[in-house]
Amino acid sequence: MDEFEQALKAATGSEHTRARKDYIMRKWTKPRVQQFIRTLSAPSNLHVDISELSNILKRHNVNGELLVTLTKQVVMDMGIPAPVAEWLIKQLDDLFSSESHYKL
């Protein structure tokens, strides 16, 4: 029974993640992406300016459709250092899986 409950929880979680990604992909514009990025608090050891990070994403026309497809490599190709790119992808994964407290 425990295995069944775990499988059910995982399936429900993945459906929820898919639904959140779908909503973001369809509804988020560039300003909405920037608004989300500006709510993030980067760890001090990354030495990242959140406003500059937001501006980089804006210059690359990142809207909801592109946001849900970002990978660490794509973010690094935008000129963002690897540790910051890794941190950003983690924040996006949290957003998609609803571990973020950011309200859609």
PDB file of N, CA and C in Angstrom:
ATOM      1  N   MET A   1       0.820  -1.194   0.000  1.00  0.00           N
ATOM      2  CA  MET A   1       0.000   0.000   0.000  1.00  0.00           C
ATOM      3  C   MET A   1       0.871   1.268   0.000  1.00  0.00           C
ATOM      4  N   ASP A   2       1.986   1.233   0.689  1.00  0.00           N
ATOM      5  CA  ASP A   2       2.869   2.395   0.724  1.00  0.00           C
ATOM      6  C   ASP A   2       3.386   2.754  -0.663  1.00  0.00           C
ATOM      7  N   GLU A   3       3.745   1.753  -1.459  1.00  0.00           N
ATOM      8  CA  GLU A   3       4.240   1.999  -2.803  1.00  0.00           C
ATOM      9  C   GLU A   3       3.160   2.647  -3.667  1.00  0.00           C
ATOM     10  N   PHE A   4       1.929   2.191  -3.520  1.00  0.00           N
ATOM     11  CA  PHE A   4       0.823   2.763  -4.279  1.00  0.00           C
ATOM     12  C   PHE A   4       0.628   4.226  -3.900  1.00  0.00           C
ATOM     13  N   GLU A   5       0.655   4.535  -2.608  1.00  0.00           N
ATOM     14  CA  GLU A   5       0.474   5.910  -2.153  1.00  0.00           C
ATOM     15  C   GLU A   5       1.594   6.812  -2.656  1.00  0.00           C
ATOM     16  N   GLN A   6       2.816   6.311  -2.650  1.00  0.00           N
ATOM     17  CA  GLN A   6       3.941   7.097  -3.151  1.00  0.00           C
ATOM     18  C   GLN A   6       3.808   7.335  -4.650  1.00  0.00           C
ATOM     19  N   ALA A   7       3.395   6.325  -5.393  1.00  0.00           N
ATOM     20  CA  ALA A   7       3.207   6.464  -6.838  1.00  0.00           C
ATOM     21  C   ALA A   7       2.099   7.467  -7.140  1.00  0.00           C
ATOM     22  N   LEU A   8       1.033   7.417  -6.367  1.00  0.00           N
ATOM     23  CA  LEU A   8      -0.076   8.347  -6.552  1.00  0.00           C
ATOM     24  C   LEU A   8       0.365   9.775  -6.248  1.00  0.00           C
ATOM     25  N   LYS A   9       1.131   9.951  -5.198  1.00  0.00           N
ATOM     26  CA  LYS A   9       1.625  11.277  -4.828  1.00  0.00           C
ATOM     27  C   LYS A   9       2.537  11.827  -5.919  1.00  0.00           C
ATOM     28  N   ALA A  10       3.409  10.993  -6.464  1.00  0.00           N
ATOM     29  CA  ALA A  10       4.317  11.422  -7.538  1.00  0.00           C
ATOM     30  C   ALA A  10       3.543  11.809  -8.787  1.00  0.00           C
ATOM     31  N   ALA A  11       2.529  11.027  -9.138  1.00  0.00           N
ATOM     32  CA  ALA A  11       1.723  11.328 -10.319  1.00  0.00           C
ATOM     33  C   ALA A  11       0.972  12.635 -10.136  1.00  0.00           C
ATOM     34  N   THR A  12       0.416  12.848  -8.967  1.00  0.00           N
ATOM     35  CA  THR A  12      -0.312  14.078  -8.682  1.00  0.00           C
ATOM     36  C   THR A  12       0.644  15.265  -8.740  1.00  0.00           C
ATOM     37  N   GLY A  13       1.844  15.088  -8.195  1.00  0.00           N
ATOM     38  CA  GLY A  13       2.844  16.153  -8.216  1.00  0.00           C
ATOM     39  C   GLY A  13       3.262  16.509  -9.629  1.00  0.00           C
ATOM     40  N   SER A  14       3.456  15.508 -10.476  1.00  0.00           N
ATOM     41  CA  SER A  14       3.883  15.790 -11.842  1.00  0.00           C
ATOM     42  C   SER A  14       2.756  16.454 -12.639  1.00  0.00           C
ATOM     43  N   GLU A  15       1.513  16.085 -12.383  1.00  0.00           N
ATOM     44  CA  GLU A  15       0.391  16.746 -13.050  1.00  0.00           C
ATOM     45  C   GLU A  15       0.298  18.202 -12.614  1.00  0.00           C
ATOM     46  N   HIS A  16       0.533  18.445 -11.329  1.00  0.00           N
ATOM     47  CA  HIS A  16       0.492  19.809 -10.804  1.00  0.00           C
ATOM     48  C   HIS A  16       1.606  20.645 -11.438  1.00  0.00           C
ATOM     49  N   THR A  17       2.797  20.055 -11.539  1.00  0.00           N
ATOM     50  CA  THR A  17       3.924  20.746 -12.161  1.00  0.00           C
ATOM     51  C   THR A  17       3.621  21.054 -13.614  1.00  0.00           C
ATOM     52  N   ARG A  18       3.070  20.098 -14.334  1.00  0.00           N
ATOM     53  CA  ARG A  18       2.702  20.315 -15.739  1.00  0.00           C
ATOM     54  C   ARG A  18       1.682  21.444 -15.866  1.00  0.00           C
ATOM     55  N   ALA A  19       0.720  21.476 -14.962  1.00  0.00           N
ATOM     56  CA  ALA A  19      -0.312  22.512 -15.008  1.00  0.00           C
ATOM     57  C   ALA A  19       0.294  23.895 -14.744  1.00  0.00           C
ATOM     58  N   ARG A  20       1.200  23.972 -13.787  1.00  0.00           N
ATOM     59  CA  ARG A  20       1.845  25.257 -13.487  1.00  0.00           C
ATOM     60  C   ARG A  20       2.701  25.716 -14.665  1.00  0.00           C
ATOM     61  N   LYS A  21       3.456  24.798 -15.254  1.00  0.00           N
ATOM     62  CA  LYS A  21       4.287  25.144 -16.411  1.00  0.00           C
ATOM     63  C   LYS A  21       3.410  25.609 -17.573  1.00  0.00           C
ATOM     64  N   ASP A  22       2.306  24.921 -17.796  1.00  0.00           N
ATOM     65  CA  ASP A  22       1.407  25.283 -18.872  1.00  0.00           C
ATOM     66  C   ASP A  22       0.850  26.689 -18.653  1.00  0.00           C
ATOM     67  N   TYR A  23       0.454  26.990 -17.432  1.00  0.00           N
ATOM     68  CA  TYR A  23      -0.081  28.313 -17.119  1.00  0.00           C
ATOM     69  C   TYR A  23       0.985  29.388 -17.371  1.00  0.00           C
ATOM     70  N   ILE A  24       2.185  29.151 -16.872  1.00  0.00           N
ATOM     71  CA  ILE A  24       3.271  30.117 -17.045  1.00  0.00           C
ATOM     72  C   ILE A  24       3.584  30.292 -18.524  1.00  0.00           C
ATOM     73  N   MET A  25       3.658  29.208 -19.248  1.00  0.00           N
ATOM     74  CA  MET A  25       3.975  29.259 -20.672  1.00  0.00           C
ATOM     75  C   MET A  25       2.957  30.099 -21.439  1.00  0.00           C
ATOM     76  N   ARG A  26       1.686  29.932 -21.120  1.00  0.00           N
ATOM     77  CA  ARG A  26       0.633  30.622 -21.865  1.00  0.00           C
ATOM     78  C   ARG A  26       0.399  32.049 -21.402  1.00  0.00           C
ATOM     79  N   LYS A  27       0.570  32.318 -20.115  1.00  0.00           N
ATOM     80  CA  LYS A  27       0.119  33.593 -19.558  1.00  0.00           C
ATOM     81  C   LYS A  27       1.229  34.600 -19.236  1.00  0.00           C
ATOM     82  N   TRP A  28       2.445  34.139 -18.999  1.00  0.00           N
ATOM     83  CA  TRP A  28       3.474  35.067 -18.539  1.00  0.00           C
ATOM     84  C   TRP A  28       4.110  35.816 -19.704  1.00  0.00           C
ATOM     85  N   THR A  29       4.136  37.128 -19.561  1.00  0.00           N
ATOM     86  CA  THR A  29       4.794  38.003 -20.517  1.00  0.00           C
ATOM     87  C   THR A  29       6.187  38.341 -19.982  1.00  0.00           C
ATOM     88  N   LYS A  30       6.975  39.048 -20.768  1.00  0.00           N
ATOM     89  CA  LYS A  30       8.308  39.450 -20.307  1.00  0.00           C
ATOM     90  C   LYS A  30       8.245  40.224 -18.991  1.00  0.00           C
ATOM     91  N   PRO A  31       7.339  41.215 -18.842  1.00  0.00           N
ATOM     92  CA  PRO A  31       7.280  41.925 -17.559  1.00  0.00           C
ATOM     93  C   PRO A  31       6.949  41.005 -16.380  1.00  0.00           C
ATOM     94  N   ARG A  32       6.120  40.014 -16.602  1.00  0.00           N
ATOM     95  CA  ARG A  32       5.770  39.094 -15.515  1.00  0.00           C
ATOM     96  C   ARG A  32       6.977  38.239 -15.122  1.00  0.00           C
ATOM     97  N   VAL A  33       7.772  37.831 -16.100  1.00  0.00           N
ATOM     98  CA  VAL A  33       8.994  37.082 -15.811  1.00  0.00           C
ATOM     99  C   VAL A  33       9.935  37.956 -14.991  1.00  0.00           C
ATOM    100  N   GLN A  34      10.111  39.205 -15.404  1.00  0.00           N
ATOM    101  CA  GLN A  34      10.989  40.117 -14.679  1.00  0.00           C
ATOM    102  C   GLN A  34      10.486  40.359 -13.263  1.00  0.00           C
ATOM    103  N   GLN A  35       9.183  40.462 -13.116  1.00  0.00           N
ATOM    104  CA  GLN A  35       8.593  40.652 -11.792  1.00  0.00           C
ATOM    105  C   GLN A  35       8.946  39.472 -10.890  1.00  0.00           C
ATOM    106  N   PHE A  36       8.839  38.256 -11.415  1.00  0.00           N
ATOM    107  CA  PHE A  36       9.192  37.078 -10.632  1.00  0.00           C
ATOM    108  C   PHE A  36      10.673  37.100 -10.260  1.00  0.00           C
ATOM    109  N   ILE A  37      11.539  37.360 -11.233  1.00  0.00           N
ATOM    110  CA  ILE A  37      12.984  37.356 -10.982  1.00  0.00           C
ATOM    111  C   ILE A  37      13.334  38.367  -9.897  1.00  0.00           C
ATOM    112  N   ARG A  38      12.710  39.507  -9.912  1.00  0.00           N
ATOM    113  CA  ARG A  38      13.016  40.548  -8.920  1.00  0.00           C
ATOM    114  C   ARG A  38      12.547  40.196  -7.509  1.00  0.00           C
ATOM    115  N   THR A  39      11.714  39.171  -7.381  1.00  0.00           N
ATOM    116  CA  THR A  39      11.303  38.746  -6.038  1.00  0.00           C
ATOM    117  C   THR A  39      12.304  37.771  -5.419  1.00  0.00           C
ATOM    118  N   LEU A  40      13.235  37.288  -6.218  1.00  0.00           N
ATOM    119  CA  LEU A  40      14.187  36.292  -5.729  1.00  0.00           C
ATOM    120  C   LEU A  40      15.274  36.935  -4.877  1.00  0.00           C
ATOM    121  N   SER A  41      15.765  36.184  -3.929  1.00  0.00           N
ATOM    122  CA  SER A  41      16.884  36.613  -3.093  1.00  0.00           C
ATOM    123  C   SER A  41      18.021  35.635  -3.313  1.00  0.00           C
ATOM    124  N   ALA A  42      19.026  36.104  -3.988  1.00  0.00           N
ATOM    125  CA  ALA A  42      20.166  35.235  -4.288  1.00  0.00           C
ATOM    126  C   ALA A  42      21.073  35.121  -3.067  1.00  0.00           C
ATOM    127  N   PRO A  43      21.678  33.961  -2.876  1.00  0.00           N
ATOM    128  CA  PRO A  43      22.653  33.820  -1.786  1.00  0.00           C
ATOM    129  C   PRO A  43      23.800  34.816  -1.981  1.00  0.00           C
ATOM    130  N   SER A  44      24.305  35.347  -0.905  1.00  0.00           N
ATOM    131  CA  SER A  44      25.340  36.384  -0.994  1.00  0.00           C
ATOM    132  C   SER A  44      26.617  35.884  -1.662  1.00  0.00           C
ATOM    133  N   ASN A  45      26.894  34.586  -1.559  1.00  0.00           N
ATOM    134  CA  ASN A  45      28.130  34.070  -2.158  1.00  0.00           C
ATOM    135  C   ASN A  45      28.092  34.075  -3.690  1.00  0.00           C
ATOM    136  N   LEU A  46      26.910  34.265  -4.296  1.00  0.00           N
ATOM    137  CA  LEU A  46      26.813  34.305  -5.757  1.00  0.00           C
ATOM    138  C   LEU A  46      27.172  35.677  -6.330  1.00  0.00           C
ATOM    139  N   HIS A  47      27.085  36.715  -5.488  1.00  0.00           N
ATOM    140  CA  HIS A  47      27.414  38.073  -5.923  1.00  0.00           C
ATOM    141  C   HIS A  47      26.682  38.442  -7.211  1.00  0.00           C
ATOM    142  N   VAL A  48      25.372  38.274  -7.177  1.00  0.00           N
ATOM    143  CA  VAL A  48      24.565  38.580  -8.355  1.00  0.00           C
ATOM    144  C   VAL A  48      23.621  39.735  -8.043  1.00  0.00           C
ATOM    145  N   ASP A  49      23.499  40.630  -8.997  1.00  0.00           N
ATOM    146  CA  ASP A  49      22.557  41.742  -8.906  1.00  0.00           C
ATOM    147  C   ASP A  49      21.267  41.270  -9.578  1.00  0.00           C
ATOM    148  N   ILE A  50      20.222  41.131  -8.781  1.00  0.00           N
ATOM    149  CA  ILE A  50      18.950  40.603  -9.290  1.00  0.00           C
ATOM    150  C   ILE A  50      18.385  41.485 -10.400  1.00  0.00           C
ATOM    151  N   SER A  51      18.539  42.795 -10.280  1.00  0.00           N
ATOM    152  CA  SER A  51      18.044  43.692 -11.331  1.00  0.00           C
ATOM    153  C   SER A  51      18.780  43.439 -12.637  1.00  0.00           C
ATOM    154  N   GLU A  52      20.086  43.224 -12.560  1.00  0.00           N
ATOM    155  CA  GLU A  52      20.857  42.944 -13.777  1.00  0.00           C
ATOM    156  C   GLU A  52      20.445  41.601 -14.374  1.00  0.00           C
ATOM    157  N   LEU A  53      20.214  40.618 -13.514  1.00  0.00           N
ATOM    158  CA  LEU A  53      19.749  39.316 -13.992  1.00  0.00           C
ATOM    159  C   LEU A  53      18.413  39.465 -14.723  1.00  0.00           C
ATOM    160  N   SER A  54      17.520  40.238 -14.144  1.00  0.00           N
ATOM    161  CA  SER A  54      16.225  40.506 -14.763  1.00  0.00           C
ATOM    162  C   SER A  54      16.399  41.192 -16.115  1.00  0.00           C
ATOM    163  N   ASN A  55      17.318  42.145 -16.178  1.00  0.00           N
ATOM    164  CA  ASN A  55      17.559  42.863 -17.437  1.00  0.00           C
ATOM    165  C   ASN A  55      18.152  41.954 -18.510  1.00  0.00           C
ATOM    166  N   ILE A  56      19.009  41.025 -18.113  1.00  0.00           N
ATOM    167  CA  ILE A  56      19.575  40.078 -19.078  1.00  0.00           C
ATOM    168  C   ILE A  56      18.451  39.235 -19.686  1.00  0.00           C
ATOM    169  N   LEU A  57      17.562  38.745 -18.841  1.00  0.00           N
ATOM    170  CA  LEU A  57      16.444  37.943 -19.341  1.00  0.00           C
ATOM    171  C   LEU A  57      15.534  38.776 -20.244  1.00  0.00           C
ATOM    172  N   LYS A  58      15.365  40.037 -19.902  1.00  0.00           N
ATOM    173  CA  LYS A  58      14.550  40.936 -20.728  1.00  0.00           C
ATOM    174  C   LYS A  58      15.192  41.126 -22.103  1.00  0.00           C
ATOM    175  N   ARG A  59      16.510  41.348 -22.128  1.00  0.00           N
ATOM    176  CA  ARG A  59      17.216  41.543 -23.407  1.00  0.00           C
ATOM    177  C   ARG A  59      17.116  40.305 -24.294  1.00  0.00           C
ATOM    178  N   HIS A  60      16.968  39.141 -23.674  1.00  0.00           N
ATOM    179  CA  HIS A  60      16.850  37.904 -24.437  1.00  0.00           C
ATOM    180  C   HIS A  60      15.388  37.510 -24.678  1.00  0.00           C
ATOM    181  N   ASN A  61      14.491  38.459 -24.417  1.00  0.00           N
ATOM    182  CA  ASN A  61      13.062  38.268 -24.682  1.00  0.00           C
ATOM    183  C   ASN A  61      12.483  37.030 -24.007  1.00  0.00           C
ATOM    184  N   VAL A  62      12.860  36.823 -22.759  1.00  0.00           N
ATOM    185  CA  VAL A  62      12.357  35.658 -22.030  1.00  0.00           C
ATOM    186  C   VAL A  62      10.947  35.953 -21.540  1.00  0.00           C
ATOM    187  N   ASN A  63      10.012  35.234 -22.112  1.00  0.00           N
ATOM    188  CA  ASN A  63       8.619  35.287 -21.667  1.00  0.00           C
ATOM    189  C   ASN A  63       8.295  33.917 -21.075  1.00  0.00           C
ATOM    190  N   GLY A  64       7.062  33.664 -20.757  1.00  0.00           N
ATOM    191  CA  GLY A  64       6.679  32.392 -20.156  1.00  0.00           C
ATOM    192  C   GLY A  64       7.015  31.196 -21.018  1.00  0.00           C
ATOM    193  N   GLU A  65       6.823  31.334 -22.325  1.00  0.00           N
ATOM    194  CA  GLU A  65       7.081  30.223 -23.233  1.00  0.00           C
ATOM    195  C   GLU A  65       8.557  29.811 -23.202  1.00  0.00           C
ATOM    196  N   LEU A  66       9.436  30.793 -23.189  1.00  0.00           N
ATOM    197  CA  LEU A  66      10.859  30.485 -23.139  1.00  0.00           C
ATOM    198  C   LEU A  66      11.293  30.087 -21.724  1.00  0.00           C
ATOM    199  N   LEU A  67      10.680  30.706 -20.730  1.00  0.00           N
ATOM    200  CA  LEU A  67      11.057  30.436 -19.348  1.00  0.00           C
ATOM    201  C   LEU A  67      10.939  28.952 -18.990  1.00  0.00           C
ATOM    202  N   VAL A  68       9.877  28.314 -19.438  1.00  0.00           N
ATOM    203  CA  VAL A  68       9.673  26.906 -19.075  1.00  0.00           C
ATOM    204  C   VAL A  68      10.632  25.966 -19.798  1.00  0.00           C
ATOM    205  N   THR A  69      11.355  26.470 -20.792  1.00  0.00           N
ATOM    206  CA  THR A  69      12.298  25.619 -21.525  1.00  0.00           C
ATOM    207  C   THR A  69      13.756  25.903 -21.181  1.00  0.00           C
ATOM    208  N   LEU A  70      13.997  26.875 -20.313  1.00  0.00           N
ATOM    209  CA  LEU A  70      15.376  27.237 -19.992  1.00  0.00           C
ATOM    210  C   LEU A  70      16.129  26.074 -19.355  1.00  0.00           C
ATOM    211  N   THR A  71      17.385  25.966 -19.746  1.00  0.00           N
ATOM    212  CA  THR A  71      18.302  25.011 -19.128  1.00  0.00           C
ATOM    213  C   THR A  71      19.505  25.800 -18.630  1.00  0.00           C
ATOM    214  N   LYS A  72      20.316  25.163 -17.829  1.00  0.00           N
ATOM    215  CA  LYS A  72      21.510  25.825 -17.315  1.00  0.00           C
ATOM    216  C   LYS A  72      22.374  26.328 -18.475  1.00  0.00           C
ATOM    217  N   GLN A  73      22.554  25.511 -19.500  1.00  0.00           N
ATOM    218  CA  GLN A  73      23.401  25.898 -20.634  1.00  0.00           C
ATOM    219  C   GLN A  73      22.834  27.104 -21.369  1.00  0.00           C
ATOM    220  N   VAL A  74      21.534  27.125 -21.582  1.00  0.00           N
ATOM    221  CA  VAL A  74      20.910  28.260 -22.273  1.00  0.00           C
ATOM    222  C   VAL A  74      21.104  29.530 -21.461  1.00  0.00           C
ATOM    223  N   VAL A  75      20.941  29.436 -20.156  1.00  0.00           N
ATOM    224  CA  VAL A  75      21.125  30.601 -19.283  1.00  0.00           C
ATOM    225  C   VAL A  75      22.580  31.058 -19.332  1.00  0.00           C
ATOM    226  N   MET A  76      23.515  30.122 -19.320  1.00  0.00           N
ATOM    227  CA  MET A  76      24.933  30.483 -19.403  1.00  0.00           C
ATOM    228  C   MET A  76      25.249  31.133 -20.755  1.00  0.00           C
ATOM    229  N   ASP A  77      24.598  30.673 -21.810  1.00  0.00           N
ATOM    230  CA  ASP A  77      24.800  31.267 -23.131  1.00  0.00           C
ATOM    231  C   ASP A  77      24.311  32.718 -23.188  1.00  0.00           C
ATOM    232  N   MET A  78      23.475  33.110 -22.248  1.00  0.00           N
ATOM    233  CA  MET A  78      23.014  34.496 -22.155  1.00  0.00           C
ATOM    234  C   MET A  78      24.047  35.381 -21.462  1.00  0.00           C
ATOM    235  N   GLY A  79      25.142  34.775 -21.003  1.00  0.00           N
ATOM    236  CA  GLY A  79      26.194  35.537 -20.335  1.00  0.00           C
ATOM    237  C   GLY A  79      26.107  35.504 -18.824  1.00  0.00           C
ATOM    238  N   ILE A  80      25.334  34.592 -18.307  1.00  0.00           N
ATOM    239  CA  ILE A  80      25.175  34.459 -16.859  1.00  0.00           C
ATOM    240  C   ILE A  80      26.145  33.383 -16.371  1.00  0.00           C
ATOM    241  N   PRO A  81      26.929  33.674 -15.319  1.00  0.00           N
ATOM    242  CA  PRO A  81      27.905  32.700 -14.820  1.00  0.00           C
ATOM    243  C   PRO A  81      27.247  31.385 -14.387  1.00  0.00           C
ATOM    244  N   ALA A  82      27.999  30.296 -14.496  1.00  0.00           N
ATOM    245  CA  ALA A  82      27.482  28.954 -14.205  1.00  0.00           C
ATOM    246  C   ALA A  82      26.840  28.829 -12.822  1.00  0.00           C
ATOM    247  N   PRO A  83      27.470  29.318 -11.741  1.00  0.00           N
ATOM    248  CA  PRO A  83      26.813  29.159 -10.435  1.00  0.00           C
ATOM    249  C   PRO A  83      25.472  29.893 -10.350  1.00  0.00           C
ATOM    250  N   VAL A  84      25.387  31.051 -10.971  1.00  0.00           N
ATOM    251  CA  VAL A  84      24.134  31.821 -10.975  1.00  0.00           C
ATOM    252  C   VAL A  84      23.101  31.112 -11.844  1.00  0.00           C
ATOM    253  N   ALA A  85      23.542  30.579 -12.980  1.00  0.00           N
ATOM    254  CA  ALA A  85      22.634  29.844 -13.862  1.00  0.00           C
ATOM    255  C   ALA A  85      22.068  28.628 -13.137  1.00  0.00           C
ATOM    256  N   GLU A  86      22.909  27.915 -12.428  1.00  0.00           N
ATOM    257  CA  GLU A  86      22.456  26.733 -11.679  1.00  0.00           C
ATOM    258  C   GLU A  86      21.443  27.129 -10.605  1.00  0.00           C
ATOM    259  N   TRP A  87      21.728  28.208  -9.889  1.00  0.00           N
ATOM    260  CA  TRP A  87      20.811  28.704  -8.859  1.00  0.00           C
ATOM    261  C   TRP A  87      19.476  29.126  -9.487  1.00  0.00           C
ATOM    262  N   LEU A  88      19.529  29.821 -10.624  1.00  0.00           N
ATOM    263  CA  LEU A  88      18.306  30.276 -11.286  1.00  0.00           C
ATOM    264  C   LEU A  88      17.454  29.100 -11.729  1.00  0.00           C
ATOM    265  N   ILE A  89      18.069  28.094 -12.304  1.00  0.00           N
ATOM    266  CA  ILE A  89      17.319  26.913 -12.745  1.00  0.00           C
ATOM    267  C   ILE A  89      16.661  26.236 -11.546  1.00  0.00           C
ATOM    268  N   LYS A  90      17.343  26.205 -10.411  1.00  0.00           N
ATOM    269  CA  LYS A  90      16.752  25.631  -9.190  1.00  0.00           C
ATOM    270  C   LYS A  90      15.525  26.447  -8.762  1.00  0.00           C
ATOM    271  N   GLN A  91      15.617  27.772  -8.854  1.00  0.00           N
ATOM    272  CA  GLN A  91      14.476  28.626  -8.497  1.00  0.00           C
ATOM    273  C   GLN A  91      13.297  28.364  -9.428  1.00  0.00           C
ATOM    274  N   LEU A  92      13.590  28.169 -10.703  1.00  0.00           N
ATOM    275  CA  LEU A  92      12.517  27.882 -11.666  1.00  0.00           C
ATOM    276  C   LEU A  92      11.899  26.511 -11.400  1.00  0.00           C
ATOM    277  N   ASP A  93      12.732  25.532 -11.089  1.00  0.00           N
ATOM    278  CA  ASP A  93      12.193  24.206 -10.750  1.00  0.00           C
ATOM    279  C   ASP A  93      11.266  24.294  -9.543  1.00  0.00           C
ATOM    280  N   ASP A  94      11.671  25.099  -8.551  1.00  0.00           N
ATOM    281  CA  ASP A  94      10.820  25.294  -7.372  1.00  0.00           C
ATOM    282  C   ASP A  94       9.506  25.971  -7.755  1.00  0.00           C
ATOM    283  N   LEU A  95       9.579  26.959  -8.617  1.00  0.00           N
ATOM    284  CA  LEU A  95       8.375  27.659  -9.075  1.00  0.00           C
ATOM    285  C   LEU A  95       7.426  26.703  -9.777  1.00  0.00           C
ATOM    286  N   PHE A  96       7.959  25.880 -10.661  1.00  0.00           N
ATOM    287  CA  PHE A  96       7.124  24.963 -11.424  1.00  0.00           C
ATOM    288  C   PHE A  96       6.511  23.886 -10.543  1.00  0.00           C
ATOM    289  N   SER A  97       7.225  23.469  -9.522  1.00  0.00           N
ATOM    290  CA  SER A  97       6.713  22.387  -8.669  1.00  0.00           C
ATOM    291  C   SER A  97       5.965  22.930  -7.462  1.00  0.00           C
ATOM    292  N   SER A  98       5.750  24.220  -7.419  1.00  0.00           N
ATOM    293  CA  SER A  98       5.021  24.929  -6.350  1.00  0.00           C
ATOM    294  C   SER A  98       5.747  24.918  -5.013  1.00  0.00           C
ATOM    295  N   GLU A  99       7.049  24.641  -5.002  1.00  0.00           N
ATOM    296  CA  GLU A  99       7.814  24.771  -3.765  1.00  0.00           C
ATOM    297  C   GLU A  99       8.135  26.232  -3.489  1.00  0.00           C
ATOM    298  N   SER A 100       7.934  27.069  -4.491  1.00  0.00           N
ATOM    299  CA  SER A 100       8.122  28.497  -4.340  1.00  0.00           C
ATOM    300  C   SER A 100       6.846  29.076  -3.734  1.00  0.00           C
ATOM    301  N   HIS A 101       6.998  30.125  -2.992  1.00  0.00           N
ATOM    302  CA  HIS A 101       5.815  30.789  -2.403  1.00  0.00           C
ATOM    303  C   HIS A 101       5.277  31.879  -3.327  1.00  0.00           C
ATOM    304  N   TYR A 102       5.842  31.965  -4.516  1.00  0.00           N
ATOM    305  CA  TYR A 102       5.400  32.980  -5.461  1.00  0.00           C
ATOM    306  C   TYR A 102       4.028  32.603  -6.004  1.00  0.00           C
ATOM    307  N   LYS A 103       3.118  33.536  -5.919  1.00  0.00           N
ATOM    308  CA  LYS A 103       1.743  33.292  -6.353  1.00  0.00           C
ATOM    309  C   LYS A 103       1.634  33.462  -7.862  1.00  0.00           C
ATOM    310  N   LEU A 104       1.065  32.463  -8.513  1.00  0.00           N
ATOM    311  CA  LEU A 104       0.833  32.573  -9.964  1.00  0.00           C
ATOM    312  C   LEU A 104      -0.379  33.437 -10.146  1.00  0.00           C
TER     313      LEU A 104
END
